[in-house]
Amino acid sequence: MFDTVERARATAMAFPQIGGFIAELEISAIDADVRYEKSFGPGHFTVYATPDVLLRHVKSVQSA
């Protein structure tokens, strides 16, 4: 996951084989069901949660 839609879009366009869509999630810093940590390059985060928990946080989905 990325901290901005622009970073996510750039990655999605660079790797179209991963689907070509961007899901924007809204995750509270105090949500006990989601854990995340800074990883890899600028603005990239690794997020740990079950699929159903992540789906609850989807704010929007758009094509890259």
N, C-alpha and C. Protein backbone atom coordinates (compact mmCIF):
# COMPACT_ATOMS: atom_id res chain seq x y z
N MET A 1 0.84 -1.17 0.00
CA MET A 1 0.00 0.00 0.00
C MET A 1 0.89 1.23 0.00
N PHE A 2 0.30 2.33 -0.48
CA PHE A 2 1.02 3.59 -0.57
C PHE A 2 0.27 4.69 0.17
N ASP A 3 0.99 5.72 0.52
CA ASP A 3 0.40 6.81 1.29
C ASP A 3 -0.37 7.81 0.44
N THR A 4 -0.25 7.75 -0.89
CA THR A 4 -1.02 8.65 -1.75
C THR A 4 -1.56 7.87 -2.95
N VAL A 5 -2.65 8.38 -3.50
CA VAL A 5 -3.23 7.78 -4.71
C VAL A 5 -2.23 7.90 -5.86
N GLU A 6 -1.50 8.99 -5.92
CA GLU A 6 -0.54 9.19 -7.00
C GLU A 6 0.55 8.12 -7.00
N ARG A 7 1.07 7.79 -5.83
CA ARG A 7 2.10 6.73 -5.74
C ARG A 7 1.50 5.38 -6.13
N ALA A 8 0.29 5.11 -5.68
CA ALA A 8 -0.37 3.85 -6.03
C ALA A 8 -0.61 3.77 -7.53
N ARG A 9 -1.05 4.87 -8.13
CA ARG A 9 -1.31 4.90 -9.56
C ARG A 9 -0.02 4.66 -10.36
N ALA A 10 1.06 5.29 -9.95
CA ALA A 10 2.34 5.10 -10.64
C ALA A 10 2.77 3.64 -10.61
N THR A 11 2.59 3.00 -9.47
CA THR A 11 2.95 1.58 -9.35
C THR A 11 2.01 0.71 -10.19
N ALA A 12 0.72 1.00 -10.14
CA ALA A 12 -0.25 0.23 -10.93
C ALA A 12 0.03 0.34 -12.41
N MET A 13 0.44 1.52 -12.86
CA MET A 13 0.73 1.71 -14.28
C MET A 13 2.04 1.03 -14.67
N ALA A 14 2.98 0.97 -13.75
CA ALA A 14 4.26 0.31 -14.02
C ALA A 14 4.12 -1.21 -14.05
N PHE A 15 3.11 -1.72 -13.33
CA PHE A 15 2.89 -3.17 -13.25
C PHE A 15 1.44 -3.50 -13.57
N PRO A 16 1.01 -3.35 -14.83
CA PRO A 16 -0.41 -3.57 -15.18
C PRO A 16 -0.88 -4.99 -14.92
N GLN A 17 0.03 -5.93 -14.84
CA GLN A 17 -0.35 -7.33 -14.60
C GLN A 17 -0.92 -7.55 -13.20
N ILE A 18 -0.79 -6.58 -12.30
CA ILE A 18 -1.34 -6.76 -10.95
C ILE A 18 -2.80 -6.32 -10.86
N GLY A 19 -3.39 -5.89 -11.98
CA GLY A 19 -4.82 -5.65 -11.97
C GLY A 19 -5.30 -4.34 -12.56
N GLY A 20 -4.53 -3.28 -12.46
CA GLY A 20 -4.93 -2.02 -13.06
C GLY A 20 -5.97 -1.22 -12.28
N PHE A 21 -6.21 -1.59 -11.02
CA PHE A 21 -7.17 -0.86 -10.19
C PHE A 21 -6.49 -0.39 -8.92
N ILE A 22 -7.03 0.67 -8.35
CA ILE A 22 -6.53 1.21 -7.10
C ILE A 22 -7.70 1.24 -6.12
N ALA A 23 -7.50 0.64 -4.97
CA ALA A 23 -8.50 0.72 -3.90
C ALA A 23 -7.98 1.68 -2.85
N GLU A 24 -8.77 2.69 -2.55
CA GLU A 24 -8.40 3.64 -1.52
C GLU A 24 -9.05 3.19 -0.21
N LEU A 25 -8.22 3.00 0.81
CA LEU A 25 -8.72 2.57 2.11
C LEU A 25 -8.59 3.70 3.12
N GLU A 26 -9.49 3.73 4.06
CA GLU A 26 -9.43 4.69 5.15
C GLU A 26 -9.26 3.89 6.44
N ILE A 27 -8.05 3.94 6.99
CA ILE A 27 -7.72 3.14 8.17
C ILE A 27 -7.32 4.07 9.31
N SER A 28 -7.99 3.93 10.41
CA SER A 28 -7.68 4.73 11.60
C SER A 28 -6.39 4.24 12.23
N ALA A 29 -5.61 5.14 12.74
CA ALA A 29 -4.36 4.78 13.40
C ALA A 29 -4.58 3.92 14.64
N ILE A 30 -5.79 3.93 15.17
CA ILE A 30 -6.07 3.16 16.38
C ILE A 30 -6.86 1.88 16.10
N ASP A 31 -7.03 1.53 14.83
CA ASP A 31 -7.77 0.32 14.48
C ASP A 31 -6.96 -0.91 14.89
N ALA A 32 -7.44 -1.64 15.86
CA ALA A 32 -6.72 -2.80 16.39
C ALA A 32 -6.68 -3.98 15.42
N ASP A 33 -7.56 -3.99 14.41
CA ASP A 33 -7.61 -5.10 13.46
C ASP A 33 -6.63 -4.95 12.31
N VAL A 34 -5.95 -3.80 12.23
CA VAL A 34 -5.02 -3.54 11.13
C VAL A 34 -3.67 -3.14 11.72
N ARG A 35 -2.64 -3.79 11.23
CA ARG A 35 -1.27 -3.44 11.64
C ARG A 35 -0.51 -3.07 10.38
N TYR A 36 0.32 -2.04 10.45
CA TYR A 36 1.09 -1.65 9.28
C TYR A 36 2.46 -1.15 9.71
N GLU A 37 3.40 -1.21 8.76
CA GLU A 37 4.74 -0.72 9.02
C GLU A 37 5.34 -0.16 7.73
N LYS A 38 6.20 0.82 7.88
CA LYS A 38 6.90 1.42 6.75
C LYS A 38 7.79 0.36 6.14
N SER A 39 7.80 0.28 4.81
CA SER A 39 8.63 -0.72 4.13
C SER A 39 9.03 -0.23 2.74
N PHE A 40 10.02 -0.85 2.17
CA PHE A 40 10.48 -0.59 0.82
C PHE A 40 10.74 0.89 0.57
N GLY A 41 10.25 1.42 -0.55
CA GLY A 41 10.57 2.78 -0.97
C GLY A 41 9.71 3.84 -0.32
N PRO A 42 9.85 5.08 -0.82
CA PRO A 42 9.10 6.20 -0.26
C PRO A 42 7.59 5.99 -0.34
N GLY A 43 6.92 6.24 0.77
CA GLY A 43 5.47 6.17 0.81
C GLY A 43 4.87 4.77 0.77
N HIS A 44 5.70 3.73 0.86
CA HIS A 44 5.19 2.36 0.80
C HIS A 44 5.04 1.79 2.20
N PHE A 45 3.93 1.08 2.41
CA PHE A 45 3.66 0.44 3.69
C PHE A 45 3.23 -1.00 3.47
N THR A 46 3.63 -1.88 4.37
CA THR A 46 3.13 -3.25 4.39
C THR A 46 2.00 -3.27 5.41
N VAL A 47 0.86 -3.79 4.99
CA VAL A 47 -0.34 -3.79 5.84
C VAL A 47 -0.72 -5.23 6.15
N TYR A 48 -0.99 -5.48 7.42
CA TYR A 48 -1.37 -6.81 7.89
C TYR A 48 -2.80 -6.76 8.42
N ALA A 49 -3.69 -7.48 7.75
CA ALA A 49 -5.08 -7.59 8.19
C ALA A 49 -5.73 -8.69 7.36
N THR A 50 -6.82 -9.20 7.85
CA THR A 50 -7.54 -10.21 7.08
C THR A 50 -8.28 -9.53 5.93
N PRO A 51 -8.57 -10.26 4.86
CA PRO A 51 -9.27 -9.66 3.73
C PRO A 51 -10.60 -9.00 4.10
N ASP A 52 -11.36 -9.63 4.98
CA ASP A 52 -12.65 -9.04 5.35
C ASP A 52 -12.48 -7.72 6.10
N VAL A 53 -11.45 -7.61 6.90
CA VAL A 53 -11.18 -6.35 7.60
C VAL A 53 -10.79 -5.27 6.58
N LEU A 54 -9.92 -5.61 5.64
CA LEU A 54 -9.52 -4.63 4.62
C LEU A 54 -10.71 -4.18 3.79
N LEU A 55 -11.60 -5.10 3.44
CA LEU A 55 -12.78 -4.73 2.66
C LEU A 55 -13.66 -3.74 3.39
N ARG A 56 -13.74 -3.85 4.70
CA ARG A 56 -14.53 -2.89 5.50
C ARG A 56 -13.99 -1.47 5.41
N HIS A 57 -12.71 -1.35 5.09
CA HIS A 57 -12.06 -0.03 5.06
C HIS A 57 -11.99 0.59 3.67
N VAL A 58 -12.50 -0.11 2.65
CA VAL A 58 -12.44 0.42 1.28
C VAL A 58 -13.33 1.66 1.17
N LYS A 59 -12.72 2.74 0.73
CA LYS A 59 -13.43 4.01 0.55
C LYS A 59 -13.85 4.18 -0.90
N SER A 60 -12.97 3.77 -1.84
CA SER A 60 -13.29 3.88 -3.26
C SER A 60 -12.38 2.94 -4.04
N VAL A 61 -12.82 2.61 -5.27
CA VAL A 61 -12.02 1.81 -6.19
C VAL A 61 -12.06 2.53 -7.53
N GLN A 62 -10.90 2.66 -8.16
CA GLN A 62 -10.81 3.34 -9.43
C GLN A 62 -9.80 2.64 -10.34
N SER A 63 -9.93 2.85 -11.61
CA SER A 63 -8.95 2.27 -12.53
C SER A 63 -7.68 3.13 -12.49
N ALA A 64 -6.57 2.48 -12.74
CA ALA A 64 -5.29 3.18 -12.71
C ALA A 64 -5.20 4.07 -13.91
